[in-house]
Amino acid sequence: MKYLNYILIVVGAIIAMYAKVNDGQNQYILISGIVFLMMGIYRVSRTIPSKKEEDWNNNEDI
């Protein structure tokens, strides 16, 4: 499942770059590429643990 996140990021970046290269830039393709890219980044960032101060204090008690 984690590979899906990276695939979304890569596919979104490729689509966004492809839409940007063409002279007759299609904004819908560019927007869909950005959406895929942001979905992948969001899904990856959800799995990163929080680094709040209270989390560090809880680990010292153990």
C-alpha atoms as a PDB file:
ATOM      1  CA  MET A   1       0.000   0.000   0.000  1.00  0.00           C
ATOM      2  CA  LYS A   2       2.866   2.394   0.669  1.00  0.00           C
ATOM      3  CA  TYR A   3       4.062   1.952  -2.911  1.00  0.00           C
ATOM      4  CA  LEU A   4       0.749   3.413  -4.092  1.00  0.00           C
ATOM      5  CA  ASN A   5       1.712   6.701  -2.427  1.00  0.00           C
ATOM      6  CA  TYR A   6       4.998   6.881  -4.303  1.00  0.00           C
ATOM      7  CA  ILE A   7       3.315   5.887  -7.554  1.00  0.00           C
ATOM      8  CA  LEU A   8       0.786   8.705  -7.101  1.00  0.00           C
ATOM      9  CA  ILE A   9       3.613  11.197  -6.546  1.00  0.00           C
ATOM     10  CA  VAL A  10       5.567  10.062  -9.599  1.00  0.00           C
ATOM     11  CA  VAL A  11       2.524   9.863 -11.881  1.00  0.00           C
ATOM     12  CA  GLY A  12       1.306  13.268 -10.720  1.00  0.00           C
ATOM     13  CA  ALA A  13       4.703  14.843 -11.335  1.00  0.00           C
ATOM     14  CA  ILE A  14       4.963  13.293 -14.806  1.00  0.00           C
ATOM     15  CA  ILE A  15       1.447  14.426 -15.759  1.00  0.00           C
ATOM     16  CA  ALA A  16       2.098  17.951 -14.460  1.00  0.00           C
ATOM     17  CA  MET A  17       5.402  18.190 -16.355  1.00  0.00           C
ATOM     18  CA  TYR A  18       3.803  16.809 -19.531  1.00  0.00           C
ATOM     19  CA  ALA A  19       0.993  19.365 -19.358  1.00  0.00           C
ATOM     20  CA  LYS A  20       3.505  22.167 -18.795  1.00  0.00           C
ATOM     21  CA  VAL A  21       5.711  21.198 -21.787  1.00  0.00           C
ATOM     22  CA  ASN A  22       3.050  21.505 -24.472  1.00  0.00           C
ATOM     23  CA  ASP A  23       2.574  24.875 -26.146  1.00  0.00           C
ATOM     24  CA  GLY A  24      -1.207  24.533 -26.037  1.00  0.00           C
ATOM     25  CA  GLN A  25      -1.147  23.900 -22.315  1.00  0.00           C
ATOM     26  CA  ASN A  26      -4.234  22.023 -21.162  1.00  0.00           C
ATOM     27  CA  GLN A  27      -5.083  23.300 -17.692  1.00  0.00           C
ATOM     28  CA  TYR A  28      -7.276  20.309 -16.835  1.00  0.00           C
ATOM     29  CA  ILE A  29      -4.382  17.900 -17.360  1.00  0.00           C
ATOM     30  CA  LEU A  30      -2.119  20.150 -15.271  1.00  0.00           C
ATOM     31  CA  ILE A  31      -4.692  20.312 -12.462  1.00  0.00           C
ATOM     32  CA  SER A  32      -5.182  16.534 -12.491  1.00  0.00           C
ATOM     33  CA  GLY A  33      -1.403  16.036 -12.267  1.00  0.00           C
ATOM     34  CA  ILE A  34      -1.208  18.396  -9.310  1.00  0.00           C
ATOM     35  CA  VAL A  35      -4.117  16.597  -7.636  1.00  0.00           C
ATOM     36  CA  PHE A  36      -2.376  13.216  -7.991  1.00  0.00           C
ATOM     37  CA  LEU A  37       0.853  14.723  -6.676  1.00  0.00           C
ATOM     38  CA  MET A  38      -0.832  16.284  -3.655  1.00  0.00           C
ATOM     39  CA  MET A  39      -2.794  13.102  -2.868  1.00  0.00           C
ATOM     40  CA  GLY A  40       0.440  11.136  -2.812  1.00  0.00           C
ATOM     41  CA  ILE A  41       2.211  13.697  -0.645  1.00  0.00           C
ATOM     42  CA  TYR A  42      -0.722  13.832   1.780  1.00  0.00           C
ATOM     43  CA  ARG A  43      -0.848  10.036   2.102  1.00  0.00           C
ATOM     44  CA  VAL A  44       2.899   9.896   2.792  1.00  0.00           C
ATOM     45  CA  SER A  45       2.743  12.725   5.344  1.00  0.00           C
ATOM     46  CA  ARG A  46      -0.085  10.960   7.224  1.00  0.00           C
ATOM     47  CA  THR A  47       2.263   8.109   8.077  1.00  0.00           C
ATOM     48  CA  ILE A  48       4.969  10.349   9.563  1.00  0.00           C
ATOM     49  CA  PRO A  49       4.649  10.425  13.371  1.00  0.00           C
ATOM     50  CA  SER A  50       4.135  13.639  15.294  1.00  0.00           C
ATOM     51  CA  LYS A  51       7.079  15.330  17.010  1.00  0.00           C
ATOM     52  CA  LYS A  52       5.197  17.309  19.633  1.00  0.00           C
ATOM     53  CA  GLU A  53       6.847  17.985  22.972  1.00  0.00           C
ATOM     54  CA  GLU A  54       4.395  15.776  24.865  1.00  0.00           C
ATOM     55  CA  ASP A  55       5.273  12.830  22.620  1.00  0.00           C
ATOM     56  CA  TRP A  56       8.947  13.165  23.581  1.00  0.00           C
ATOM     57  CA  ASN A  57       8.075  13.314  27.300  1.00  0.00           C
ATOM     58  CA  ASN A  58       6.003  10.132  27.072  1.00  0.00           C
ATOM     59  CA  ASN A  59       8.922   8.227  25.582  1.00  0.00           C
ATOM     60  CA  GLU A  60      11.244   9.185  28.463  1.00  0.00           C
ATOM     61  CA  ASP A  61       8.903   7.629  31.038  1.00  0.00           C
ATOM     62  CA  ILE A  62       9.136   4.196  29.463  1.00  0.00           C
END
